[in-house]
Amino acid sequence: MVILEYFQQGGPVMYFILVVSIVGLAVFIERVLFFRQVRQNAKIIQEKMREKLKGRRIDEAIAVCENYPGLAANIIRAGLTQYNKSRDEIEKAMDDAAVYELPKLHRNVPVLATVTSVSTLLGLLGTVLGMIISSTVLSTQGMNNPSKLIGGIAQALITTAYGLIVAIPAQVAYNYIVAQVESIISDIEISTTELIQLLKSKAEDTSLPRW
């Protein structure tokens, strides 16, 4: 296979690039699945809590959160457990829960940024090593061994290309993940604000937090 041949021509650096690419892919998949679960749980909680909150059955609403544990549920539950307290106390309880829960969204995200930079640097390292090989062959053997000379040049070009092949998707993946984190945080902030208003409202209000 052409890809395998290129990989072999790239030299030892290619194995490091391969490892970095696998790590980046694993992190991306893990984060995407985690975010999907967060949103799905939030949607389920919203549906099941509708009647509970409308009827001010707070204990049952708390039970819903406990049955579907997760980032959003833990923050909402913190507010529900303080429903009979002042608005400030409810906000503080949810803020305290958010301080613990929200960092879970950022878990492993810096790894993608590291993959972007490291893969690029590994490609550059392969380029330097390839040029060193070519320079050594040229200085010791002149043009008498063109295959080794070309091999060094090929290594330089291949490692650069593969480094970029890994770095570019990793950067796109990083930007996507960061955007998802910001979107989820924004949704949670809106939801907690509306939940506080709903809990402390004296008027009948059937509206629900958005997720």
N, C-alpha and C. Protein backbone atom coordinates (compact mmCIF):
# COMPACT_ATOMS: atom_id res chain seq x y z
N MET A 1 0.83 -1.20 0.00
CA MET A 1 0.00 0.00 0.00
C MET A 1 0.87 1.25 0.00
N VAL A 2 0.40 2.26 -0.72
CA VAL A 2 1.17 3.50 -0.84
C VAL A 2 1.33 4.18 0.52
N ILE A 3 0.26 4.20 1.30
CA ILE A 3 0.30 4.85 2.61
C ILE A 3 1.33 4.19 3.50
N LEU A 4 1.36 2.84 3.49
CA LEU A 4 2.32 2.11 4.31
C LEU A 4 3.75 2.39 3.85
N GLU A 5 3.94 2.47 2.55
CA GLU A 5 5.27 2.76 2.02
C GLU A 5 5.73 4.15 2.45
N TYR A 6 4.84 5.11 2.37
CA TYR A 6 5.17 6.47 2.81
C TYR A 6 5.49 6.49 4.31
N PHE A 7 4.70 5.72 5.05
CA PHE A 7 4.91 5.66 6.50
C PHE A 7 6.30 5.14 6.82
N GLN A 8 6.70 4.10 6.13
CA GLN A 8 8.02 3.52 6.35
C GLN A 8 9.13 4.47 5.92
N GLN A 9 8.91 5.19 4.84
CA GLN A 9 9.91 6.14 4.36
C GLN A 9 10.06 7.34 5.30
N GLY A 10 9.03 7.60 6.08
CA GLY A 10 9.07 8.74 6.98
C GLY A 10 10.00 8.56 8.16
N GLY A 11 10.39 7.32 8.44
CA GLY A 11 11.33 7.08 9.52
C GLY A 11 10.67 6.96 10.89
N PRO A 12 11.47 6.89 11.95
CA PRO A 12 10.97 6.67 13.31
C PRO A 12 9.98 7.74 13.79
N VAL A 13 10.13 8.96 13.31
CA VAL A 13 9.24 10.04 13.76
C VAL A 13 7.79 9.73 13.43
N MET A 14 7.57 8.95 12.38
CA MET A 14 6.21 8.64 11.97
C MET A 14 5.45 7.87 13.05
N TYR A 15 6.14 7.06 13.81
CA TYR A 15 5.49 6.31 14.88
C TYR A 15 4.98 7.25 15.98
N PHE A 16 5.76 8.26 16.26
CA PHE A 16 5.32 9.25 17.25
C PHE A 16 4.11 10.04 16.74
N ILE A 17 4.14 10.38 15.46
CA ILE A 17 3.00 11.08 14.86
C ILE A 17 1.76 10.20 14.91
N LEU A 18 1.94 8.91 14.67
CA LEU A 18 0.81 7.97 14.72
C LEU A 18 0.21 7.91 16.12
N VAL A 19 1.07 7.81 17.13
CA VAL A 19 0.59 7.76 18.51
C VAL A 19 -0.18 9.03 18.87
N VAL A 20 0.37 10.17 18.48
CA VAL A 20 -0.29 11.45 18.77
C VAL A 20 -1.65 11.52 18.09
N SER A 21 -1.73 11.04 16.85
CA SER A 21 -3.00 11.08 16.12
C SER A 21 -4.04 10.19 16.78
N ILE A 22 -3.62 9.03 17.28
CA ILE A 22 -4.55 8.12 17.96
C ILE A 22 -5.08 8.75 19.24
N VAL A 23 -4.19 9.39 19.99
CA VAL A 23 -4.59 10.07 21.22
C VAL A 23 -5.61 11.17 20.91
N GLY A 24 -5.33 11.96 19.89
CA GLY A 24 -6.24 13.04 19.51
C GLY A 24 -7.60 12.52 19.10
N LEU A 25 -7.63 11.45 18.31
CA LEU A 25 -8.89 10.87 17.87
C LEU A 25 -9.68 10.32 19.05
N ALA A 26 -8.98 9.65 19.97
CA ALA A 26 -9.65 9.08 21.14
C ALA A 26 -10.28 10.18 22.00
N VAL A 27 -9.56 11.26 22.20
CA VAL A 27 -10.08 12.37 23.00
C VAL A 27 -11.30 13.00 22.33
N PHE A 28 -11.22 13.19 21.03
CA PHE A 28 -12.34 13.80 20.29
C PHE A 28 -13.60 12.95 20.40
N ILE A 29 -13.46 11.65 20.18
CA ILE A 29 -14.61 10.75 20.26
C ILE A 29 -15.19 10.74 21.67
N GLU A 30 -14.32 10.68 22.68
CA GLU A 30 -14.78 10.66 24.07
C GLU A 30 -15.56 11.92 24.42
N ARG A 31 -15.07 13.08 23.97
CA ARG A 31 -15.74 14.34 24.27
C ARG A 31 -17.08 14.44 23.55
N VAL A 32 -17.12 14.03 22.29
CA VAL A 32 -18.37 14.09 21.53
C VAL A 32 -19.43 13.22 22.20
N LEU A 33 -19.06 12.01 22.59
CA LEU A 33 -20.01 11.12 23.26
C LEU A 33 -20.44 11.68 24.61
N PHE A 34 -19.51 12.29 25.33
CA PHE A 34 -19.84 12.88 26.63
C PHE A 34 -20.83 14.03 26.48
N PHE A 35 -20.57 14.91 25.52
CA PHE A 35 -21.47 16.05 25.30
C PHE A 35 -22.85 15.58 24.86
N ARG A 36 -22.88 14.55 24.04
CA ARG A 36 -24.17 14.01 23.60
C ARG A 36 -24.96 13.48 24.80
N GLN A 37 -24.27 12.80 25.70
CA GLN A 37 -24.93 12.27 26.90
C GLN A 37 -25.44 13.39 27.79
N VAL A 38 -24.65 14.44 27.93
CA VAL A 38 -25.06 15.59 28.74
C VAL A 38 -26.35 16.19 28.20
N ARG A 39 -26.41 16.39 26.89
CA ARG A 39 -27.60 16.99 26.28
C ARG A 39 -28.80 16.06 26.36
N GLN A 40 -28.58 14.76 26.14
CA GLN A 40 -29.68 13.81 26.20
C GLN A 40 -30.27 13.73 27.61
N ASN A 41 -29.40 13.67 28.60
CA ASN A 41 -29.88 13.63 29.98
C ASN A 41 -30.66 14.89 30.35
N ALA A 42 -30.14 16.03 29.89
CA ALA A 42 -30.82 17.29 30.17
C ALA A 42 -32.21 17.32 29.54
N LYS A 43 -32.32 16.77 28.32
CA LYS A 43 -33.61 16.73 27.64
C LYS A 43 -34.59 15.82 28.38
N ILE A 44 -34.10 14.67 28.81
CA ILE A 44 -34.96 13.74 29.56
C ILE A 44 -35.43 14.37 30.86
N ILE A 45 -34.51 15.02 31.55
CA ILE A 45 -34.86 15.67 32.82
C ILE A 45 -35.92 16.74 32.59
N GLN A 46 -35.76 17.51 31.52
CA GLN A 46 -36.73 18.57 31.22
C GLN A 46 -38.12 17.98 31.03
N GLU A 47 -38.20 16.89 30.26
CA GLU A 47 -39.49 16.28 29.97
C GLU A 47 -40.15 15.72 31.23
N LYS A 48 -39.35 15.07 32.07
CA LYS A 48 -39.90 14.43 33.26
C LYS A 48 -40.20 15.42 34.38
N MET A 49 -39.53 16.56 34.36
CA MET A 49 -39.73 17.55 35.43
C MET A 49 -40.88 18.50 35.13
N ARG A 50 -41.39 18.48 33.92
CA ARG A 50 -42.42 19.46 33.53
C ARG A 50 -43.60 19.44 34.50
N GLU A 51 -44.18 18.27 34.68
CA GLU A 51 -45.35 18.17 35.56
C GLU A 51 -44.97 18.40 37.01
N LYS A 52 -43.78 17.94 37.39
CA LYS A 52 -43.35 18.09 38.79
C LYS A 52 -43.23 19.56 39.17
N LEU A 53 -42.57 20.33 38.32
CA LEU A 53 -42.37 21.74 38.63
C LEU A 53 -43.67 22.53 38.53
N LYS A 54 -44.50 22.14 37.58
CA LYS A 54 -45.78 22.83 37.43
C LYS A 54 -46.63 22.66 38.69
N GLY A 55 -46.58 21.47 39.27
CA GLY A 55 -47.34 21.21 40.49
C GLY A 55 -46.57 21.51 41.75
N ARG A 56 -45.39 22.10 41.60
CA ARG A 56 -44.53 22.44 42.73
C ARG A 56 -44.19 21.20 43.58
N ARG A 57 -44.11 20.04 42.91
CA ARG A 57 -43.73 18.81 43.62
C ARG A 57 -42.20 18.71 43.57
N ILE A 58 -41.58 19.46 44.43
CA ILE A 58 -40.13 19.62 44.39
C ILE A 58 -39.41 18.31 44.70
N ASP A 59 -39.93 17.55 45.68
CA ASP A 59 -39.27 16.29 46.04
C ASP A 59 -39.23 15.33 44.86
N GLU A 60 -40.31 15.30 44.10
CA GLU A 60 -40.34 14.43 42.93
C GLU A 60 -39.40 14.95 41.85
N ALA A 61 -39.29 16.26 41.74
CA ALA A 61 -38.36 16.84 40.77
C ALA A 61 -36.92 16.50 41.14
N ILE A 62 -36.61 16.54 42.43
CA ILE A 62 -35.27 16.16 42.89
C ILE A 62 -35.01 14.69 42.58
N ALA A 63 -36.03 13.86 42.74
CA ALA A 63 -35.89 12.43 42.46
C ALA A 63 -35.56 12.19 40.99
N VAL A 64 -36.14 13.01 40.12
CA VAL A 64 -35.85 12.90 38.69
C VAL A 64 -34.36 13.15 38.44
N CYS A 65 -33.83 14.18 39.08
CA CYS A 65 -32.40 14.49 38.93
C CYS A 65 -31.54 13.35 39.43
N GLU A 66 -31.97 12.72 40.52
CA GLU A 66 -31.19 11.62 41.09
C GLU A 66 -31.26 10.38 40.22
N ASN A 67 -32.36 10.22 39.50
CA ASN A 67 -32.49 9.06 38.61
C ASN A 67 -31.71 9.23 37.31
N TYR A 68 -31.40 10.47 36.96
CA TYR A 68 -30.64 10.75 35.74
C TYR A 68 -29.44 11.63 36.10
N PRO A 69 -28.51 11.06 36.86
CA PRO A 69 -27.37 11.86 37.33
C PRO A 69 -26.51 12.34 36.17
N GLY A 70 -25.95 13.48 36.36
CA GLY A 70 -25.09 14.06 35.33
C GLY A 70 -24.78 15.49 35.66
N LEU A 71 -24.05 16.11 34.78
CA LEU A 71 -23.60 17.48 35.00
C LEU A 71 -24.77 18.43 35.23
N ALA A 72 -25.71 18.47 34.29
CA ALA A 72 -26.85 19.38 34.41
C ALA A 72 -27.74 19.02 35.59
N ALA A 73 -27.98 17.71 35.77
CA ALA A 73 -28.85 17.26 36.85
C ALA A 73 -28.30 17.65 38.21
N ASN A 74 -27.01 17.54 38.38
CA ASN A 74 -26.40 17.86 39.68
C ASN A 74 -26.52 19.34 40.01
N ILE A 75 -26.38 20.19 38.99
CA ILE A 75 -26.50 21.63 39.21
C ILE A 75 -27.95 22.00 39.53
N ILE A 76 -28.88 21.44 38.75
CA ILE A 76 -30.30 21.71 38.98
C ILE A 76 -30.74 21.20 40.35
N ARG A 77 -30.29 20.01 40.70
CA ARG A 77 -30.66 19.42 41.99
C ARG A 77 -30.19 20.29 43.15
N ALA A 78 -29.00 20.87 42.99
CA ALA A 78 -28.47 21.74 44.05
C ALA A 78 -29.41 22.91 44.31
N GLY A 79 -30.00 23.44 43.23
CA GLY A 79 -30.95 24.54 43.39
C GLY A 79 -32.27 24.08 43.96
N LEU A 80 -32.73 22.90 43.51
CA LEU A 80 -34.02 22.39 43.98
C LEU A 80 -34.00 22.08 45.47
N THR A 81 -32.88 21.60 45.96
CA THR A 81 -32.80 21.27 47.39
C THR A 81 -32.86 22.51 48.29
N GLN A 82 -32.67 23.69 47.68
CA GLN A 82 -32.73 24.94 48.43
C GLN A 82 -33.95 25.77 48.05
N TYR A 83 -34.98 25.10 47.51
CA TYR A 83 -36.12 25.83 46.95
C TYR A 83 -36.84 26.71 47.97
N ASN A 84 -36.79 26.32 49.24
CA ASN A 84 -37.48 27.10 50.28
C ASN A 84 -36.59 28.18 50.88
N LYS A 85 -35.41 28.36 50.32
CA LYS A 85 -34.49 29.38 50.81
C LYS A 85 -34.63 30.65 49.96
N SER A 86 -33.81 31.63 50.27
CA SER A 86 -33.86 32.88 49.51
C SER A 86 -33.24 32.69 48.13
N ARG A 87 -33.51 33.64 47.26
CA ARG A 87 -32.97 33.58 45.90
C ARG A 87 -31.44 33.52 45.92
N ASP A 88 -30.83 34.31 46.79
CA ASP A 88 -29.37 34.32 46.86
C ASP A 88 -28.82 32.97 47.29
N GLU A 89 -29.50 32.32 48.22
CA GLU A 89 -29.03 31.01 48.69
C GLU A 89 -29.18 29.96 47.60
N ILE A 90 -30.26 30.05 46.83
CA ILE A 90 -30.44 29.12 45.72
C ILE A 90 -29.34 29.32 44.68
N GLU A 91 -29.08 30.58 44.36
CA GLU A 91 -28.03 30.89 43.39
C GLU A 91 -26.67 30.39 43.87
N LYS A 92 -26.39 30.59 45.14
CA LYS A 92 -25.11 30.16 45.68
C LYS A 92 -24.96 28.64 45.62
N ALA A 93 -26.04 27.94 45.93
CA ALA A 93 -26.00 26.47 45.89
C ALA A 93 -25.71 25.98 44.47
N MET A 94 -26.35 26.61 43.49
CA MET A 94 -26.15 26.20 42.10
C MET A 94 -24.77 26.62 41.60
N ASP A 95 -24.33 27.78 42.04
CA ASP A 95 -22.98 28.23 41.66
C ASP A 95 -21.92 27.29 42.23
N ASP A 96 -22.11 26.88 43.47
CA ASP A 96 -21.16 25.96 44.09
C ASP A 96 -21.12 24.63 43.34
N ALA A 97 -22.29 24.16 42.94
CA ALA A 97 -22.35 22.91 42.19
C ALA A 97 -21.70 23.07 40.82
N ALA A 98 -21.91 24.24 40.21
CA ALA A 98 -21.34 24.50 38.89
C ALA A 98 -19.82 24.54 38.94
N VAL A 99 -19.28 25.07 40.04
CA VAL A 99 -17.82 25.13 40.19
C VAL A 99 -17.23 23.73 40.13
N TYR A 100 -17.95 22.77 40.65
CA TYR A 100 -17.48 21.39 40.64
C TYR A 100 -17.79 20.69 39.32
N GLU A 101 -18.96 20.95 38.75
CA GLU A 101 -19.43 20.21 37.58
C GLU A 101 -18.88 20.72 36.25
N LEU A 102 -18.82 22.04 36.07
CA LEU A 102 -18.45 22.59 34.77
C LEU A 102 -17.05 22.22 34.30
N PRO A 103 -16.07 22.09 35.21
CA PRO A 103 -14.74 21.66 34.73
C PRO A 103 -14.75 20.31 34.02
N LYS A 104 -15.79 19.51 34.26
CA LYS A 104 -15.89 18.23 33.57
C LYS A 104 -16.02 18.42 32.06
N LEU A 105 -16.60 19.56 31.66
CA LEU A 105 -16.73 19.85 30.23
C LEU A 105 -15.37 20.07 29.58
N HIS A 106 -14.43 20.62 30.34
CA HIS A 106 -13.11 20.95 29.80
C HIS A 106 -12.12 19.80 29.90
N ARG A 107 -12.54 18.72 30.52
CA ARG A 107 -11.62 17.59 30.72
C ARG A 107 -11.08 17.07 29.38
N ASN A 108 -9.78 16.95 29.29
CA ASN A 108 -9.06 16.43 28.11
C ASN A 108 -9.06 17.37 26.91
N VAL A 109 -9.80 18.47 26.99
CA VAL A 109 -9.82 19.40 25.85
C VAL A 109 -8.43 19.95 25.53
N PRO A 110 -7.62 20.32 26.52
CA PRO A 110 -6.27 20.81 26.20
C PRO A 110 -5.41 19.79 25.45
N VAL A 111 -5.78 18.51 25.59
CA VAL A 111 -5.01 17.48 24.89
C VAL A 111 -5.08 17.69 23.38
N LEU A 112 -6.25 18.10 22.88
CA LEU A 112 -6.40 18.34 21.45
C LEU A 112 -5.51 19.48 20.98
N ALA A 113 -5.41 20.52 21.78
CA ALA A 113 -4.52 21.63 21.43
C ALA A 113 -3.07 21.15 21.42
N THR A 114 -2.74 20.28 22.37
CA THR A 114 -1.39 19.72 22.42
C THR A 114 -1.11 18.86 21.20
N VAL A 115 -2.10 18.08 20.78
CA VAL A 115 -1.93 17.24 19.59
C VAL A 115 -1.62 18.10 18.37
N THR A 116 -2.32 19.22 18.26
CA THR A 116 -2.09 20.12 17.12
C THR A 116 -0.65 20.60 17.08
N SER A 117 -0.16 21.09 18.20
CA SER A 117 1.19 21.65 18.23
C SER A 117 2.26 20.57 18.15
N VAL A 118 2.05 19.46 18.87
CA VAL A 118 3.07 18.41 18.90
C VAL A 118 3.21 17.73 17.54
N SER A 119 2.09 17.46 16.87
CA SER A 119 2.17 16.82 15.56
C SER A 119 2.89 17.71 14.56
N THR A 120 2.65 19.01 14.64
CA THR A 120 3.36 19.95 13.76
C THR A 120 4.85 19.94 14.06
N LEU A 121 5.19 19.95 15.33
CA LEU A 121 6.60 19.94 15.73
C LEU A 121 7.28 18.62 15.36
N LEU A 122 6.55 17.52 15.48
CA LEU A 122 7.12 16.23 15.08
C LEU A 122 7.38 16.20 13.58
N GLY A 123 6.46 16.79 12.82
CA GLY A 123 6.69 16.89 11.38
C GLY A 123 7.93 17.71 11.07
N LEU A 124 8.10 18.79 11.82
CA LEU A 124 9.30 19.62 11.65
C LEU A 124 10.56 18.86 12.04
N LEU A 125 10.46 18.09 13.13
CA LEU A 125 11.60 17.28 13.55
C LEU A 125 11.99 16.27 12.48
N GLY A 126 10.98 15.63 11.90
CA GLY A 126 11.25 14.69 10.82
C GLY A 126 11.90 15.37 9.63
N THR A 127 11.48 16.60 9.35
CA THR A 127 12.08 17.37 8.26
C THR A 127 13.56 17.62 8.53
N VAL A 128 13.85 18.04 9.75
CA VAL A 128 15.25 18.32 10.12
C VAL A 128 16.10 17.05 10.03
N LEU A 129 15.57 15.95 10.56
CA LEU A 129 16.31 14.69 10.51
C LEU A 129 16.55 14.23 9.08
N GLY A 130 15.52 14.39 8.25
CA GLY A 130 15.66 14.02 6.85
C GLY A 130 16.71 14.84 6.14
N MET A 131 16.74 16.13 6.42
CA MET A 131 17.74 17.00 5.80
C MET A 131 19.15 16.69 6.33
N ILE A 132 19.24 16.29 7.60
CA ILE A 132 20.54 15.89 8.15
C ILE A 132 21.05 14.65 7.43
N ILE A 133 20.15 13.70 7.21
CA ILE A 133 20.54 12.49 6.48
C ILE A 133 21.03 12.83 5.08
N SER A 134 20.28 13.67 4.38
CA SER A 134 20.66 14.06 3.02
C SER A 134 21.99 14.81 3.01
N SER A 135 22.17 15.69 3.98
CA SER A 135 23.42 16.47 4.04
C SER A 135 24.61 15.57 4.34
N THR A 136 24.40 14.59 5.22
CA THR A 136 25.48 13.66 5.56
C THR A 136 25.87 12.82 4.35
N VAL A 137 24.87 12.31 3.64
CA VAL A 137 25.14 11.52 2.44
C VAL A 137 25.86 12.35 1.39
N LEU A 138 25.40 13.58 1.23
CA LEU A 138 25.99 14.45 0.21
C LEU A 138 27.43 14.80 0.55
N SER A 139 27.71 15.02 1.83
CA SER A 139 29.06 15.42 2.23
C SER A 139 30.04 14.26 2.24
N THR A 140 29.56 13.05 2.49
CA THR A 140 30.45 11.89 2.58
C THR A 140 30.54 11.10 1.28
N GLN A 141 29.46 11.07 0.53
CA GLN A 141 29.44 10.24 -0.68
C GLN A 141 29.16 11.03 -1.95
N GLY A 142 28.90 12.30 -1.79
CA GLY A 142 28.60 13.12 -2.95
C GLY A 142 27.33 12.62 -3.64
N MET A 143 27.38 12.55 -4.94
CA MET A 143 26.22 12.09 -5.71
C MET A 143 26.34 10.62 -6.07
N ASN A 144 27.26 9.91 -5.39
CA ASN A 144 27.48 8.50 -5.71
C ASN A 144 26.38 7.59 -5.16
N ASN A 145 25.62 8.08 -4.21
CA ASN A 145 24.55 7.27 -3.62
C ASN A 145 23.25 8.06 -3.64
N PRO A 146 22.67 8.25 -4.83
CA PRO A 146 21.47 9.09 -4.95
C PRO A 146 20.26 8.54 -4.21
N SER A 147 20.19 7.22 -4.04
CA SER A 147 19.02 6.64 -3.37
C SER A 147 18.93 7.08 -1.91
N LYS A 148 20.07 7.09 -1.21
CA LYS A 148 20.08 7.56 0.18
C LYS A 148 19.82 9.06 0.26
N LEU A 149 20.35 9.78 -0.71
CA LEU A 149 20.13 11.22 -0.74
C LEU A 149 18.65 11.54 -0.91
N ILE A 150 18.04 10.85 -1.86
CA ILE A 150 16.61 11.05 -2.11
C ILE A 150 15.78 10.54 -0.92
N GLY A 151 16.26 9.47 -0.27
CA GLY A 151 15.56 8.94 0.90
C GLY A 151 15.47 9.96 2.02
N GLY A 152 16.56 10.70 2.23
CA GLY A 152 16.54 11.73 3.27
C GLY A 152 15.58 12.85 2.93
N ILE A 153 15.58 13.24 1.66
CA ILE A 153 14.65 14.29 1.23
C ILE A 153 13.21 13.82 1.36
N ALA A 154 12.97 12.56 0.98
CA ALA A 154 11.62 11.99 1.09
C ALA A 154 11.15 11.98 2.54
N GLN A 155 12.04 11.59 3.44
CA GLN A 155 11.68 11.58 4.86
C GLN A 155 11.30 12.97 5.33
N ALA A 156 12.05 13.96 4.90
CA ALA A 156 11.77 15.34 5.30
C ALA A 156 10.38 15.78 4.84
N LEU A 157 10.06 15.47 3.60
CA LEU A 157 8.77 15.90 3.04
C LEU A 157 7.60 15.10 3.62
N ILE A 158 7.81 13.79 3.77
CA ILE A 158 6.72 12.93 4.25
C ILE A 158 6.34 13.26 5.69
N THR A 159 7.33 13.44 6.55
CA THR A 159 7.01 13.74 7.95
C THR A 159 6.32 15.09 8.09
N THR A 160 6.73 16.04 7.28
CA THR A 160 6.06 17.35 7.30
C THR A 160 4.60 17.21 6.89
N ALA A 161 4.38 16.45 5.81
CA ALA A 161 3.02 16.25 5.32
C ALA A 161 2.15 15.54 6.35
N TYR A 162 2.65 14.47 6.92
CA TYR A 162 1.87 13.71 7.89
C TYR A 162 1.63 14.50 9.17
N GLY A 163 2.61 15.29 9.56
CA GLY A 163 2.41 16.15 10.72
C GLY A 163 1.26 17.10 10.52
N LEU A 164 1.19 17.68 9.33
CA LEU A 164 0.09 18.60 9.02
C LEU A 164 -1.23 17.87 8.85
N ILE A 165 -1.18 16.65 8.31
CA ILE A 165 -2.39 15.85 8.14
C ILE A 165 -3.04 15.57 9.49
N VAL A 166 -2.23 15.43 10.52
CA VAL A 166 -2.75 15.23 11.88
C VAL A 166 -3.13 16.56 12.52
N ALA A 167 -2.30 17.58 12.34
CA ALA A 167 -2.49 18.85 13.03
C ALA A 167 -3.74 19.59 12.58
N ILE A 168 -4.02 19.59 11.29
CA ILE A 168 -5.15 20.37 10.76
C ILE A 168 -6.49 19.83 11.28
N PRO A 169 -6.78 18.52 11.15
CA PRO A 169 -8.03 18.03 11.73
C PRO A 169 -8.10 18.19 13.24
N ALA A 170 -6.94 18.07 13.91
CA ALA A 170 -6.92 18.23 15.36
C ALA A 170 -7.31 19.65 15.75
N GLN A 171 -6.87 20.64 14.98
CA GLN A 171 -7.22 22.03 15.26
C GLN A 171 -8.71 22.26 15.04
N VAL A 172 -9.24 21.67 13.96
CA VAL A 172 -10.67 21.79 13.68
C VAL A 172 -11.47 21.12 14.81
N ALA A 173 -11.02 19.95 15.23
CA ALA A 173 -11.70 19.23 16.32
C ALA A 173 -11.65 20.04 17.61
N TYR A 174 -10.53 20.65 17.89
CA TYR A 174 -10.38 21.46 19.10
C TYR A 174 -11.36 22.64 19.08
N ASN A 175 -11.43 23.33 17.95
CA ASN A 175 -12.35 24.47 17.83
C ASN A 175 -13.80 24.02 18.01
N TYR A 176 -14.13 22.86 17.46
CA TYR A 176 -15.49 22.32 17.58
C TYR A 176 -15.81 22.00 19.04
N ILE A 177 -14.88 21.34 19.71
CA ILE A 177 -15.10 20.96 21.11
C ILE A 177 -15.25 22.19 21.99
N VAL A 178 -14.41 23.19 21.78
CA VAL A 178 -14.48 24.43 22.57
C VAL A 178 -15.84 25.10 22.35
N ALA A 179 -16.31 25.11 21.11
CA ALA A 179 -17.62 25.70 20.81
C ALA A 179 -18.73 24.94 21.52
N GLN A 180 -18.62 23.62 21.58
CA GLN A 180 -19.62 22.81 22.27
C GLN A 180 -19.62 23.10 23.77
N VAL A 181 -18.44 23.25 24.34
CA VAL A 181 -18.33 23.57 25.77
C VAL A 181 -19.02 24.90 26.06
N GLU A 182 -18.73 25.90 25.26
CA GLU A 182 -19.32 27.22 25.46
C GLU A 182 -20.84 27.18 25.30
N SER A 183 -21.31 26.39 24.33
CA SER A 183 -22.74 26.28 24.10
C SER A 183 -23.45 25.62 25.28
N ILE A 184 -22.87 24.55 25.80
CA ILE A 184 -23.48 23.86 26.93
C ILE A 184 -23.49 24.74 28.17
N ILE A 185 -22.39 25.44 28.42
CA ILE A 185 -22.32 26.34 29.57
C ILE A 185 -23.38 27.43 29.46
N SER A 186 -23.54 27.98 28.25
CA SER A 186 -24.55 29.01 28.03
C SER A 186 -25.95 28.47 28.30
N ASP A 187 -26.23 27.26 27.82
CA ASP A 187 -27.54 26.65 28.05
C ASP A 187 -27.80 26.43 29.54
N ILE A 188 -26.76 25.99 30.25
CA ILE A 188 -26.91 25.74 31.68
C ILE A 188 -27.16 27.05 32.43
N GLU A 189 -26.46 28.10 32.05
CA GLU A 189 -26.66 29.40 32.70
C GLU A 189 -28.09 29.90 32.50
N ILE A 190 -28.60 29.75 31.28
CA ILE A 190 -29.98 30.16 31.00
C ILE A 190 -30.96 29.31 31.81
N SER A 191 -30.70 28.01 31.85
CA SER A 191 -31.59 27.09 32.56
C SER A 191 -31.63 27.38 34.05
N THR A 192 -30.47 27.62 34.64
CA THR A 192 -30.43 27.88 36.08
C THR A 192 -31.11 29.20 36.43
N THR A 193 -30.94 30.20 35.58
CA THR A 193 -31.59 31.49 35.81
C THR A 193 -33.11 31.34 35.77
N GLU A 194 -33.61 30.63 34.77
CA GLU A 194 -35.05 30.44 34.64
C GLU A 194 -35.60 29.55 35.75
N LEU A 195 -34.78 28.58 36.18
CA LEU A 195 -35.22 27.71 37.27
C LEU A 195 -35.39 28.51 38.56
N ILE A 196 -34.45 29.39 38.82
CA ILE A 196 -34.53 30.23 40.02
C ILE A 196 -35.79 31.10 39.98
N GLN A 197 -36.05 31.68 38.80
CA GLN A 197 -37.24 32.51 38.66
C GLN A 197 -38.51 31.68 38.86
N LEU A 198 -38.48 30.46 38.35
CA LEU A 198 -39.65 29.59 38.48
C LEU A 198 -39.89 29.19 39.92
N LEU A 199 -38.83 28.86 40.62
CA LEU A 199 -38.96 28.43 42.02
C LEU A 199 -39.45 29.55 42.93
N LYS A 200 -39.00 30.76 42.65
CA LYS A 200 -39.32 31.88 43.53
C LYS A 200 -40.54 32.68 43.06
N SER A 201 -41.09 32.30 41.93
CA SER A 201 -42.25 33.03 41.42
C SER A 201 -43.50 32.66 42.22
N LYS A 202 -44.26 33.66 42.54
CA LYS A 202 -45.51 33.40 43.27
C LYS A 202 -46.66 33.15 42.31
N ALA A 203 -46.48 33.62 41.09
CA ALA A 203 -47.55 33.43 40.11
C ALA A 203 -47.42 32.05 39.48
N GLU A 204 -48.55 31.54 38.99
CA GLU A 204 -48.52 30.27 38.29
C GLU A 204 -47.75 30.46 36.99
N ASP A 205 -46.76 29.57 36.79
CA ASP A 205 -45.90 29.69 35.61
C ASP A 205 -45.56 28.30 35.14
N THR A 206 -45.98 27.96 33.94
CA THR A 206 -45.74 26.61 33.42
C THR A 206 -44.52 26.55 32.53
N SER A 207 -43.83 27.65 32.42
CA SER A 207 -42.63 27.64 31.57
C SER A 207 -41.54 26.83 32.23
N LEU A 208 -40.62 26.30 31.42
CA LEU A 208 -39.54 25.46 31.91
C LEU A 208 -38.21 25.99 31.44
N PRO A 209 -37.16 25.64 32.16
CA PRO A 209 -35.83 26.01 31.69
C PRO A 209 -35.53 25.36 30.35
N ARG A 210 -34.79 26.04 29.52
CA ARG A 210 -34.35 25.49 28.24
C ARG A 210 -32.99 24.87 28.46
N TRP A 211 -32.70 23.86 27.65
CA TRP A 211 -31.45 23.14 27.82
C TRP A 211 -30.67 23.19 26.53
